[in-house]
PDB file of N, CA and C in Angstrom:
ATOM      1  N   MET A   1     -25.411  11.799 -73.708  1.00  0.00           N
ATOM      2  CA  MET A   1     -26.325  10.982 -72.937  1.00  0.00           C
ATOM      3  C   MET A   1     -25.645   9.680 -72.477  1.00  0.00           C
ATOM      4  N   LYS A   2     -24.845   9.112 -73.381  1.00  0.00           N
ATOM      5  CA  LYS A   2     -24.153   7.876 -73.020  1.00  0.00           C
ATOM      6  C   LYS A   2     -23.143   8.119 -71.907  1.00  0.00           C
ATOM      7  N   ASN A   3     -22.490   9.291 -71.925  1.00  0.00           N
ATOM      8  CA  ASN A   3     -21.500   9.598 -70.903  1.00  0.00           C
ATOM      9  C   ASN A   3     -22.147   9.722 -69.526  1.00  0.00           C
ATOM     10  N   VAL A   4     -23.326  10.315 -69.465  1.00  0.00           N
ATOM     11  CA  VAL A   4     -24.025  10.463 -68.199  1.00  0.00           C
ATOM     12  C   VAL A   4     -24.429   9.095 -67.662  1.00  0.00           C
ATOM     13  N   PHE A   5     -24.974   8.261 -68.533  1.00  0.00           N
ATOM     14  CA  PHE A   5     -25.366   6.915 -68.129  1.00  0.00           C
ATOM     15  C   PHE A   5     -24.158   6.125 -67.642  1.00  0.00           C
ATOM     16  N   PHE A   6     -23.054   6.226 -68.362  1.00  0.00           N
ATOM     17  CA  PHE A   6     -21.830   5.525 -67.982  1.00  0.00           C
ATOM     18  C   PHE A   6     -21.329   6.021 -66.631  1.00  0.00           C
ATOM     19  N   ALA A   7     -21.371   7.328 -66.400  1.00  0.00           N
ATOM     20  CA  ALA A   7     -20.915   7.890 -65.126  1.00  0.00           C
ATOM     21  C   ALA A   7     -21.798   7.410 -63.977  1.00  0.00           C
ATOM     22  N   ILE A   8     -23.107   7.357 -64.185  1.00  0.00           N
ATOM     23  CA  ILE A   8     -24.011   6.890 -63.145  1.00  0.00           C
ATOM     24  C   ILE A   8     -23.747   5.426 -62.812  1.00  0.00           C
ATOM     25  N   VAL A   9     -23.542   4.607 -63.830  1.00  0.00           N
ATOM     26  CA  VAL A   9     -23.261   3.188 -63.613  1.00  0.00           C
ATOM     27  C   VAL A   9     -21.947   3.008 -62.847  1.00  0.00           C
ATOM     28  N   VAL A  10     -20.926   3.767 -63.212  1.00  0.00           N
ATOM     29  CA  VAL A  10     -19.629   3.656 -62.544  1.00  0.00           C
ATOM     30  C   VAL A  10     -19.750   4.079 -61.077  1.00  0.00           C
ATOM     31  N   ILE A  11     -20.474   5.172 -60.810  1.00  0.00           N
ATOM     32  CA  ILE A  11     -20.638   5.637 -59.434  1.00  0.00           C
ATOM     33  C   ILE A  11     -21.409   4.606 -58.612  1.00  0.00           C
ATOM     34  N   LEU A  12     -22.455   4.023 -59.184  1.00  0.00           N
ATOM     35  CA  LEU A  12     -23.216   2.996 -58.470  1.00  0.00           C
ATOM     36  C   LEU A  12     -22.369   1.761 -58.184  1.00  0.00           C
ATOM     37  N   LEU A  13     -21.573   1.347 -59.153  1.00  0.00           N
ATOM     38  CA  LEU A  13     -20.706   0.185 -58.948  1.00  0.00           C
ATOM     39  C   LEU A  13     -19.657   0.461 -57.874  1.00  0.00           C
ATOM     40  N   LEU A  14     -19.093   1.663 -57.860  1.00  0.00           N
ATOM     41  CA  LEU A  14     -18.132   2.020 -56.820  1.00  0.00           C
ATOM     42  C   LEU A  14     -18.795   2.035 -55.441  1.00  0.00           C
ATOM     43  N   GLY A  15     -20.014   2.555 -55.373  1.00  0.00           N
ATOM     44  CA  GLY A  15     -20.736   2.577 -54.099  1.00  0.00           C
ATOM     45  C   GLY A  15     -21.036   1.184 -53.587  1.00  0.00           C
ATOM     46  N   VAL A  16     -21.546   0.334 -54.457  1.00  0.00           N
ATOM     47  CA  VAL A  16     -21.861  -1.046 -54.068  1.00  0.00           C
ATOM     48  C   VAL A  16     -20.580  -1.799 -53.712  1.00  0.00           C
ATOM     49  N   GLY A  17     -19.529  -1.590 -54.483  1.00  0.00           N
ATOM     50  CA  GLY A  17     -18.254  -2.232 -54.180  1.00  0.00           C
ATOM     51  C   GLY A  17     -17.693  -1.780 -52.841  1.00  0.00           C
ATOM     52  N   GLY A  18     -17.818  -0.490 -52.545  1.00  0.00           N
ATOM     53  CA  GLY A  18     -17.356   0.031 -51.261  1.00  0.00           C
ATOM     54  C   GLY A  18     -18.126  -0.555 -50.094  1.00  0.00           C
ATOM     55  N   ILE A  19     -19.433  -0.686 -50.258  1.00  0.00           N
ATOM     56  CA  ILE A  19     -20.252  -1.259 -49.182  1.00  0.00           C
ATOM     57  C   ILE A  19     -19.933  -2.740 -48.994  1.00  0.00           C
ATOM     58  N   LEU A  20     -19.749  -3.464 -50.093  1.00  0.00           N
ATOM     59  CA  LEU A  20     -19.381  -4.880 -49.976  1.00  0.00           C
ATOM     60  C   LEU A  20     -18.012  -5.047 -49.322  1.00  0.00           C
ATOM     61  N   LEU A  21     -17.071  -4.166 -49.672  1.00  0.00           N
ATOM     62  CA  LEU A  21     -15.760  -4.209 -49.029  1.00  0.00           C
ATOM     63  C   LEU A  21     -15.877  -3.890 -47.540  1.00  0.00           C
ATOM     64  N   GLN A  22     -16.741  -2.928 -47.195  1.00  0.00           N
ATOM     65  CA  GLN A  22     -16.947  -2.591 -45.793  1.00  0.00           C
ATOM     66  C   GLN A  22     -17.547  -3.762 -45.028  1.00  0.00           C
ATOM     67  N   ILE A  23     -18.490  -4.464 -45.622  1.00  0.00           N
ATOM     68  CA  ILE A  23     -19.076  -5.639 -44.971  1.00  0.00           C
ATOM     69  C   ILE A  23     -18.004  -6.708 -44.755  1.00  0.00           C
ATOM     70  N   PHE A  24     -17.189  -6.942 -45.780  1.00  0.00           N
ATOM     71  CA  PHE A  24     -16.120  -7.936 -45.675  1.00  0.00           C
ATOM     72  C   PHE A  24     -15.140  -7.575 -44.559  1.00  0.00           C
ATOM     73  N   LEU A  25     -14.722  -6.304 -44.509  1.00  0.00           N
ATOM     74  CA  LEU A  25     -13.754  -5.881 -43.496  1.00  0.00           C
ATOM     75  C   LEU A  25     -14.369  -5.867 -42.099  1.00  0.00           C
ATOM     76  N   SER A  26     -15.651  -5.535 -41.996  1.00  0.00           N
ATOM     77  CA  SER A  26     -16.306  -5.463 -40.690  1.00  0.00           C
ATOM     78  C   SER A  26     -16.507  -6.833 -40.071  1.00  0.00           C
ATOM     79  N   LYS A  27     -16.579  -7.868 -40.885  1.00  0.00           N
ATOM     80  CA  LYS A  27     -16.797  -9.214 -40.372  1.00  0.00           C
ATOM     81  C   LYS A  27     -15.509  -9.890 -39.909  1.00  0.00           C
ATOM     82  N   LYS A  28     -14.391  -9.244 -40.110  1.00  0.00           N
ATOM     83  CA  LYS A  28     -13.120  -9.812 -39.653  1.00  0.00           C
ATOM     84  C   LYS A  28     -13.032  -9.724 -38.132  1.00  0.00           C
ATOM     85  N   ASP A  29     -12.144 -10.515 -37.540  1.00  0.00           N
ATOM     86  CA  ASP A  29     -11.994 -10.551 -36.091  1.00  0.00           C
ATOM     87  C   ASP A  29     -11.497  -9.220 -35.518  1.00  0.00           C
ATOM     88  N   SER A  30     -10.620  -8.557 -36.245  1.00  0.00           N
ATOM     89  CA  SER A  30     -10.084  -7.286 -35.772  1.00  0.00           C
ATOM     90  C   SER A  30     -11.118  -6.171 -35.963  1.00  0.00           C
ATOM     91  N   LYS A  31     -11.345  -5.402 -34.906  1.00  0.00           N
ATOM     92  CA  LYS A  31     -12.283  -4.287 -34.997  1.00  0.00           C
ATOM     93  C   LYS A  31     -11.773  -3.189 -35.916  1.00  0.00           C
ATOM     94  N   TRP A  32     -10.473  -3.026 -35.975  1.00  0.00           N
ATOM     95  CA  TRP A  32      -9.874  -1.905 -36.696  1.00  0.00           C
ATOM     96  C   TRP A  32      -9.979  -2.033 -38.200  1.00  0.00           C
ATOM     97  N   LEU A  33     -10.055  -3.239 -38.725  1.00  0.00           N
ATOM     98  CA  LEU A  33     -10.168  -3.395 -40.179  1.00  0.00           C
ATOM     99  C   LEU A  33     -11.452  -2.761 -40.713  1.00  0.00           C
ATOM    100  N   GLY A  34     -12.526  -2.883 -39.964  1.00  0.00           N
ATOM    101  CA  GLY A  34     -13.792  -2.316 -40.392  1.00  0.00           C
ATOM    102  C   GLY A  34     -13.844  -0.805 -40.303  1.00  0.00           C
ATOM    103  N   LEU A  35     -12.895  -0.207 -39.609  1.00  0.00           N
ATOM    104  CA  LEU A  35     -12.874   1.250 -39.478  1.00  0.00           C
ATOM    105  C   LEU A  35     -11.977   1.933 -40.502  1.00  0.00           C
ATOM    106  N   ILE A  36     -11.327   1.160 -41.368  1.00  0.00           N
ATOM    107  CA  ILE A  36     -10.415   1.739 -42.354  1.00  0.00           C
ATOM    108  C   ILE A  36     -11.157   2.649 -43.329  1.00  0.00           C
ATOM    109  N   LEU A  37     -12.211   2.159 -43.946  1.00  0.00           N
ATOM    110  CA  LEU A  37     -12.929   2.967 -44.938  1.00  0.00           C
ATOM    111  C   LEU A  37     -13.608   4.195 -44.330  1.00  0.00           C
ATOM    112  N   PRO A  38     -14.269   4.084 -43.160  1.00  0.00           N
ATOM    113  CA  PRO A  38     -14.821   5.312 -42.573  1.00  0.00           C
ATOM    114  C   PRO A  38     -13.755   6.358 -42.235  1.00  0.00           C
ATOM    115  N   ILE A  39     -12.584   5.911 -41.789  1.00  0.00           N
ATOM    116  CA  ILE A  39     -11.511   6.857 -41.494  1.00  0.00           C
ATOM    117  C   ILE A  39     -11.031   7.534 -42.773  1.00  0.00           C
ATOM    118  N   ILE A  40     -10.946   6.780 -43.846  1.00  0.00           N
ATOM    119  CA  ILE A  40     -10.527   7.360 -45.126  1.00  0.00           C
ATOM    120  C   ILE A  40     -11.542   8.393 -45.610  1.00  0.00           C
ATOM    121  N   THR A  41     -12.829   8.068 -45.554  1.00  0.00           N
ATOM    122  CA  THR A  41     -13.836   9.018 -46.033  1.00  0.00           C
ATOM    123  C   THR A  41     -13.908  10.253 -45.130  1.00  0.00           C
ATOM    124  N   PHE A  42     -13.720  10.071 -43.816  1.00  0.00           N
ATOM    125  CA  PHE A  42     -13.698  11.227 -42.931  1.00  0.00           C
ATOM    126  C   PHE A  42     -12.478  12.104 -43.218  1.00  0.00           C
ATOM    127  N   SER A  43     -11.346  11.492 -43.496  1.00  0.00           N
ATOM    128  CA  SER A  43     -10.134  12.249 -43.826  1.00  0.00           C
ATOM    129  C   SER A  43     -10.328  13.066 -45.100  1.00  0.00           C
ATOM    130  N   ILE A  44     -11.001  12.488 -46.076  1.00  0.00           N
ATOM    131  CA  ILE A  44     -11.288  13.219 -47.311  1.00  0.00           C
ATOM    132  C   ILE A  44     -12.172  14.424 -47.024  1.00  0.00           C
ATOM    133  N   SER A  45     -13.136  14.275 -46.113  1.00  0.00           N
ATOM    134  CA  SER A  45     -14.000  15.412 -45.785  1.00  0.00           C
ATOM    135  C   SER A  45     -13.220  16.509 -45.065  1.00  0.00           C
ATOM    136  N   VAL A  46     -12.274  16.135 -44.216  1.00  0.00           N
ATOM    137  CA  VAL A  46     -11.451  17.132 -43.531  1.00  0.00           C
ATOM    138  C   VAL A  46     -10.579  17.880 -44.537  1.00  0.00           C
ATOM    139  N   ILE A  47     -10.043  17.167 -45.507  1.00  0.00           N
ATOM    140  CA  ILE A  47      -9.234  17.811 -46.550  1.00  0.00           C
ATOM    141  C   ILE A  47     -10.088  18.772 -47.367  1.00  0.00           C
ATOM    142  N   ALA A  48     -11.321  18.377 -47.676  1.00  0.00           N
ATOM    143  CA  ALA A  48     -12.219  19.257 -48.425  1.00  0.00           C
ATOM    144  C   ALA A  48     -12.544  20.515 -47.634  1.00  0.00           C
ATOM    145  N   VAL A  49     -12.770  20.379 -46.328  1.00  0.00           N
ATOM    146  CA  VAL A  49     -13.036  21.552 -45.480  1.00  0.00           C
ATOM    147  C   VAL A  49     -11.813  22.461 -45.426  1.00  0.00           C
ATOM    148  N   ALA A  50     -10.622  21.876 -45.356  1.00  0.00           N
ATOM    149  CA  ALA A  50      -9.401  22.684 -45.343  1.00  0.00           C
ATOM    150  C   ALA A  50      -9.260  23.471 -46.641  1.00  0.00           C
ATOM    151  N   ASN A  51      -9.623  22.852 -47.754  1.00  0.00           N
ATOM    152  CA  ASN A  51      -9.569  23.560 -49.036  1.00  0.00           C
ATOM    153  C   ASN A  51     -10.555  24.717 -49.068  1.00  0.00           C
ATOM    154  N   VAL A  52     -11.749  24.508 -48.541  1.00  0.00           N
ATOM    155  CA  VAL A  52     -12.753  25.573 -48.517  1.00  0.00           C
ATOM    156  C   VAL A  52     -12.273  26.715 -47.635  1.00  0.00           C
ATOM    157  N   ALA A  53     -11.745  26.387 -46.472  1.00  0.00           N
ATOM    158  CA  ALA A  53     -11.310  27.417 -45.536  1.00  0.00           C
ATOM    159  C   ALA A  53     -10.111  28.198 -46.064  1.00  0.00           C
ATOM    160  N   MET A  54      -9.288  27.556 -46.866  1.00  0.00           N
ATOM    161  CA  MET A  54      -8.083  28.209 -47.354  1.00  0.00           C
ATOM    162  C   MET A  54      -8.396  29.260 -48.427  1.00  0.00           C
ATOM    163  N   PHE A  55      -9.432  29.041 -49.214  1.00  0.00           N
ATOM    164  CA  PHE A  55      -9.687  29.923 -50.348  1.00  0.00           C
ATOM    165  C   PHE A  55     -10.898  30.821 -50.162  1.00  0.00           C
ATOM    166  N   SER A  56     -11.347  31.053 -48.948  1.00  0.00           N
ATOM    167  CA  SER A  56     -12.531  31.880 -48.754  1.00  0.00           C
ATOM    168  C   SER A  56     -12.167  33.182 -48.042  1.00  0.00           C
ATOM    169  N   ILE A  57     -13.036  34.179 -48.237  1.00  0.00           N
ATOM    170  CA  ILE A  57     -12.765  35.498 -47.682  1.00  0.00           C
ATOM    171  C   ILE A  57     -13.806  35.864 -46.621  1.00  0.00           C
ATOM    172  N   ASP A  58     -15.072  35.746 -46.955  1.00  0.00           N
ATOM    173  CA  ASP A  58     -16.153  36.138 -46.056  1.00  0.00           C
ATOM    174  C   ASP A  58     -16.351  35.070 -44.972  1.00  0.00           C
ATOM    175  N   VAL A  59     -16.384  35.482 -43.714  1.00  0.00           N
ATOM    176  CA  VAL A  59     -16.462  34.544 -42.593  1.00  0.00           C
ATOM    177  C   VAL A  59     -17.812  33.843 -42.548  1.00  0.00           C
ATOM    178  N   LYS A  60     -18.902  34.593 -42.716  1.00  0.00           N
ATOM    179  CA  LYS A  60     -20.239  33.998 -42.650  1.00  0.00           C
ATOM    180  C   LYS A  60     -20.440  32.987 -43.773  1.00  0.00           C
ATOM    181  N   GLN A  61     -20.034  33.349 -44.959  1.00  0.00           N
ATOM    182  CA  GLN A  61     -20.152  32.447 -46.100  1.00  0.00           C
ATOM    183  C   GLN A  61     -19.250  31.229 -45.920  1.00  0.00           C
ATOM    184  N   THR A  62     -18.089  31.433 -45.337  1.00  0.00           N
ATOM    185  CA  THR A  62     -17.152  30.332 -45.101  1.00  0.00           C
ATOM    186  C   THR A  62     -17.740  29.307 -44.137  1.00  0.00           C
ATOM    187  N   LEU A  63     -18.318  29.780 -43.043  1.00  0.00           N
ATOM    188  CA  LEU A  63     -18.911  28.849 -42.075  1.00  0.00           C
ATOM    189  C   LEU A  63     -20.053  28.056 -42.683  1.00  0.00           C
ATOM    190  N   LEU A  64     -20.893  28.715 -43.465  1.00  0.00           N
ATOM    191  CA  LEU A  64     -21.999  28.025 -44.126  1.00  0.00           C
ATOM    192  C   LEU A  64     -21.475  26.978 -45.115  1.00  0.00           C
ATOM    193  N   THR A  65     -20.454  27.342 -45.840  1.00  0.00           N
ATOM    194  CA  THR A  65     -19.861  26.412 -46.804  1.00  0.00           C
ATOM    195  C   THR A  65     -19.195  25.234 -46.100  1.00  0.00           C
ATOM    196  N   ILE A  66     -18.505  25.508 -45.001  1.00  0.00           N
ATOM    197  CA  ILE A  66     -17.841  24.434 -44.252  1.00  0.00           C
ATOM    198  C   ILE A  66     -18.864  23.438 -43.714  1.00  0.00           C
ATOM    199  N   VAL A  67     -19.960  23.934 -43.163  1.00  0.00           N
ATOM    200  CA  VAL A  67     -20.996  23.046 -42.629  1.00  0.00           C
ATOM    201  C   VAL A  67     -21.609  22.202 -43.740  1.00  0.00           C
ATOM    202  N   SER A  68     -21.881  22.823 -44.887  1.00  0.00           N
ATOM    203  CA  SER A  68     -22.475  22.057 -45.987  1.00  0.00           C
ATOM    204  C   SER A  68     -21.496  21.042 -46.568  1.00  0.00           C
ATOM    205  N   VAL A  69     -20.229  21.411 -46.667  1.00  0.00           N
ATOM    206  CA  VAL A  69     -19.219  20.464 -47.173  1.00  0.00           C
ATOM    207  C   VAL A  69     -19.071  19.286 -46.206  1.00  0.00           C
ATOM    208  N   LEU A  70     -19.046  19.569 -44.912  1.00  0.00           N
ATOM    209  CA  LEU A  70     -18.959  18.480 -43.928  1.00  0.00           C
ATOM    210  C   LEU A  70     -20.171  17.555 -44.021  1.00  0.00           C
ATOM    211  N   ALA A  71     -21.345  18.137 -44.161  1.00  0.00           N
ATOM    212  CA  ALA A  71     -22.562  17.319 -44.242  1.00  0.00           C
ATOM    213  C   ALA A  71     -22.553  16.441 -45.484  1.00  0.00           C
ATOM    214  N   ILE A  72     -22.193  16.998 -46.606  1.00  0.00           N
ATOM    215  CA  ILE A  72     -22.228  16.240 -47.864  1.00  0.00           C
ATOM    216  C   ILE A  72     -21.114  15.194 -47.918  1.00  0.00           C
ATOM    217  N   TYR A  73     -19.919  15.578 -47.525  1.00  0.00           N
ATOM    218  CA  TYR A  73     -18.780  14.655 -47.611  1.00  0.00           C
ATOM    219  C   TYR A  73     -18.841  13.539 -46.571  1.00  0.00           C
ATOM    220  N   ASN A  74     -19.597  13.713 -45.493  1.00  0.00           N
ATOM    221  CA  ASN A  74     -19.656  12.676 -44.467  1.00  0.00           C
ATOM    222  C   ASN A  74     -20.840  11.734 -44.627  1.00  0.00           C
ATOM    223  N   ILE A  75     -21.615  11.871 -45.685  1.00  0.00           N
ATOM    224  CA  ILE A  75     -22.687  10.903 -45.951  1.00  0.00           C
ATOM    225  C   ILE A  75     -22.108   9.495 -46.125  1.00  0.00           C
ATOM    226  N   PRO A  76     -21.058   9.308 -46.939  1.00  0.00           N
ATOM    227  CA  PRO A  76     -20.476   7.958 -47.024  1.00  0.00           C
ATOM    228  C   PRO A  76     -19.908   7.466 -45.699  1.00  0.00           C
ATOM    229  N   THR A  77     -19.355   8.376 -44.903  1.00  0.00           N
ATOM    230  CA  THR A  77     -18.815   7.990 -43.600  1.00  0.00           C
ATOM    231  C   THR A  77     -19.908   7.430 -42.708  1.00  0.00           C
ATOM    232  N   VAL A  78     -21.051   8.099 -42.680  1.00  0.00           N
ATOM    233  CA  VAL A  78     -22.168   7.644 -41.848  1.00  0.00           C
ATOM    234  C   VAL A  78     -22.682   6.293 -42.340  1.00  0.00           C
ATOM    235  N   ILE A  79     -22.801   6.135 -43.647  1.00  0.00           N
ATOM    236  CA  ILE A  79     -23.277   4.866 -44.213  1.00  0.00           C
ATOM    237  C   ILE A  79     -22.317   3.730 -43.856  1.00  0.00           C
ATOM    238  N   LEU A  80     -21.024   3.976 -44.011  1.00  0.00           N
ATOM    239  CA  LEU A  80     -20.031   2.943 -43.706  1.00  0.00           C
ATOM    240  C   LEU A  80     -20.007   2.609 -42.215  1.00  0.00           C
ATOM    241  N   LEU A  81     -20.192   3.610 -41.365  1.00  0.00           N
ATOM    242  CA  LEU A  81     -20.242   3.344 -39.930  1.00  0.00           C
ATOM    243  C   LEU A  81     -21.491   2.555 -39.549  1.00  0.00           C
ATOM    244  N   CYS A  82     -22.610   2.802 -40.227  1.00  0.00           N
ATOM    245  CA  CYS A  82     -23.827   2.021 -39.965  1.00  0.00           C
ATOM    246  C   CYS A  82     -23.632   0.558 -40.367  1.00  0.00           C
ATOM    247  N   VAL A  83     -22.987   0.339 -41.498  1.00  0.00           N
ATOM    248  CA  VAL A  83     -22.690  -1.029 -41.939  1.00  0.00           C
ATOM    249  C   VAL A  83     -21.769  -1.701 -40.930  1.00  0.00           C
ATOM    250  N   TYR A  84     -20.753  -0.969 -40.476  1.00  0.00           N
ATOM    251  CA  TYR A  84     -19.811  -1.499 -39.484  1.00  0.00           C
ATOM    252  C   TYR A  84     -20.541  -1.889 -38.203  1.00  0.00           C
ATOM    253  N   LYS A  85     -21.382  -0.996 -37.715  1.00  0.00           N
ATOM    254  CA  LYS A  85     -22.120  -1.243 -36.472  1.00  0.00           C
ATOM    255  C   LYS A  85     -23.034  -2.460 -36.608  1.00  0.00           C
ATOM    256  N   ALA A  86     -23.715  -2.584 -37.747  1.00  0.00           N
ATOM    257  CA  ALA A  86     -24.615  -3.723 -37.957  1.00  0.00           C
ATOM    258  C   ALA A  86     -23.840  -5.038 -37.982  1.00  0.00           C
ATOM    259  N   CYS A  87     -22.726  -5.066 -38.682  1.00  0.00           N
ATOM    260  CA  CYS A  87     -21.931  -6.294 -38.764  1.00  0.00           C
ATOM    261  C   CYS A  87     -21.327  -6.652 -37.415  1.00  0.00           C
ATOM    262  N   ARG A  88     -20.812  -5.660 -36.694  1.00  0.00           N
ATOM    263  CA  ARG A  88     -20.191  -5.939 -35.401  1.00  0.00           C
ATOM    264  C   ARG A  88     -21.224  -6.381 -34.367  1.00  0.00           C
ATOM    265  N   SER A  89     -22.443  -5.839 -34.444  1.00  0.00           N
ATOM    266  CA  SER A  89     -23.458  -6.266 -33.473  1.00  0.00           C
ATOM    267  C   SER A  89     -23.865  -7.720 -33.716  1.00  0.00           C
ATOM    268  N   LYS A  90     -23.895  -8.138 -34.982  1.00  0.00           N
ATOM    269  CA  LYS A  90     -24.189  -9.541 -35.273  1.00  0.00           C
ATOM    270  C   LYS A  90     -23.082 -10.449 -34.746  1.00  0.00           C
ATOM    271  N   ILE A  91     -21.843 -10.018 -34.900  1.00  0.00           N
ATOM    272  CA  ILE A  91     -20.717 -10.812 -34.398  1.00  0.00           C
ATOM    273  C   ILE A  91     -20.774 -10.900 -32.877  1.00  0.00           C
ATOM    274  N   LYS A  92     -21.064  -9.782 -32.217  1.00  0.00           N
ATOM    275  CA  LYS A  92     -21.157  -9.770 -30.755  1.00  0.00           C
ATOM    276  C   LYS A  92     -22.297 -10.657 -30.273  1.00  0.00           C
ATOM    277  N   GLU A  93     -23.412 -10.617 -30.960  1.00  0.00           N
ATOM    278  CA  GLU A  93     -24.557 -11.460 -30.596  1.00  0.00           C
ATOM    279  C   GLU A  93     -24.197 -12.937 -30.734  1.00  0.00           C
ATOM    280  N   ARG A  94     -23.505 -13.277 -31.803  1.00  0.00           N
ATOM    281  CA  ARG A  94     -23.105 -14.657 -32.032  1.00  0.00           C
ATOM    282  C   ARG A  94     -22.122 -15.134 -30.953  1.00  0.00           C
ATOM    283  N   LYS A  95     -21.198 -14.266 -30.540  1.00  0.00           N
ATOM    284  CA  LYS A  95     -20.250 -14.631 -29.484  1.00  0.00           C
ATOM    285  C   LYS A  95     -20.960 -14.804 -28.149  1.00  0.00           C
ATOM    286  N   ASP A  96     -21.958 -13.952 -27.882  1.00  0.00           N
ATOM    287  CA  ASP A  96     -22.719 -14.087 -26.635  1.00  0.00           C
ATOM    288  C   ASP A  96     -23.491 -15.400 -26.600  1.00  0.00           C
ATOM    289  N   ILE A  97     -24.054 -15.803 -27.724  1.00  0.00           N
ATOM    290  CA  ILE A  97     -24.772 -17.077 -27.798  1.00  0.00           C
ATOM    291  C   ILE A  97     -23.810 -18.239 -27.585  1.00  0.00           C
ATOM    292  N   GLU A  98     -22.606 -18.139 -28.159  1.00  0.00           N
ATOM    293  CA  GLU A  98     -21.610 -19.186 -27.950  1.00  0.00           C
ATOM    294  C   GLU A  98     -21.220 -19.281 -26.472  1.00  0.00           C
ATOM    295  N   LYS A  99     -21.070 -18.150 -25.798  1.00  0.00           N
ATOM    296  CA  LYS A  99     -20.741 -18.151 -24.365  1.00  0.00           C
ATOM    297  C   LYS A  99     -21.853 -18.818 -23.566  1.00  0.00           C
ATOM    298  N   MET A 100     -23.094 -18.499 -23.896  1.00  0.00           N
ATOM    299  CA  MET A 100     -24.215 -19.115 -23.174  1.00  0.00           C
ATOM    300  C   MET A 100     -24.249 -20.617 -23.401  1.00  0.00           C
ATOM    301  N   ASN A 101     -23.991 -21.053 -24.619  1.00  0.00           N
ATOM    302  CA  ASN A 101     -23.977 -22.483 -24.921  1.00  0.00           C
ATOM    303  C   ASN A 101     -22.867 -23.197 -24.152  1.00  0.00           C
ATOM    304  N   ILE A 102     -21.731 -22.546 -24.053  1.00  0.00           N
ATOM    305  CA  ILE A 102     -20.620 -23.152 -23.310  1.00  0.00           C
ATOM    306  C   ILE A 102     -20.969 -23.230 -21.828  1.00  0.00           C
ATOM    307  N   GLN A 103     -21.592 -22.203 -21.291  1.00  0.00           N
ATOM    308  CA  GLN A 103     -21.992 -22.213 -19.891  1.00  0.00           C
ATOM    309  C   GLN A 103     -23.064 -23.263 -19.629  1.00  0.00           C
ATOM    310  N   ASP A 104     -23.961 -23.481 -20.582  1.00  0.00           N
ATOM    311  CA  ASP A 104     -24.994 -24.492 -20.424  1.00  0.00           C
ATOM    312  C   ASP A 104     -24.397 -25.901 -20.385  1.00  0.00           C
ATOM    313  N   LEU A 105     -23.309 -26.100 -21.114  1.00  0.00           N
ATOM    314  CA  LEU A 105     -22.679 -27.412 -21.135  1.00  0.00           C
ATOM    315  C   LEU A 105     -21.953 -27.731 -19.843  1.00  0.00           C
ATOM    316  N   GLN A 106     -21.536 -26.730 -19.115  1.00  0.00           N
ATOM    317  CA  GLN A 106     -20.755 -26.965 -17.895  1.00  0.00           C
ATOM    318  C   GLN A 106     -21.628 -27.294 -16.761  1.00  0.00           C
TER     319      GLN A 106
END
């Protein structure tokens, strides 16, 4: 029971840490820094699909497994991309307001 609780706590801490790191990277000036974690998680999902495709025999079962593996493994990718989009839209909004303020001063 203690091992299960410990595993759940570790997974939650890794998830929260990953999201906080994504927020930190997304707020940087470079757009590409915020895309590092989503690219990594997408790459992991592609590797998982390659493993499934390499060791399967039945075509119908393989396609079903590939679709389910892609769906499950890309949940973190979608979450990280949503965080990226939210942070970048706030930055863009702030820059647009600064441009308007500068134009008002002229």
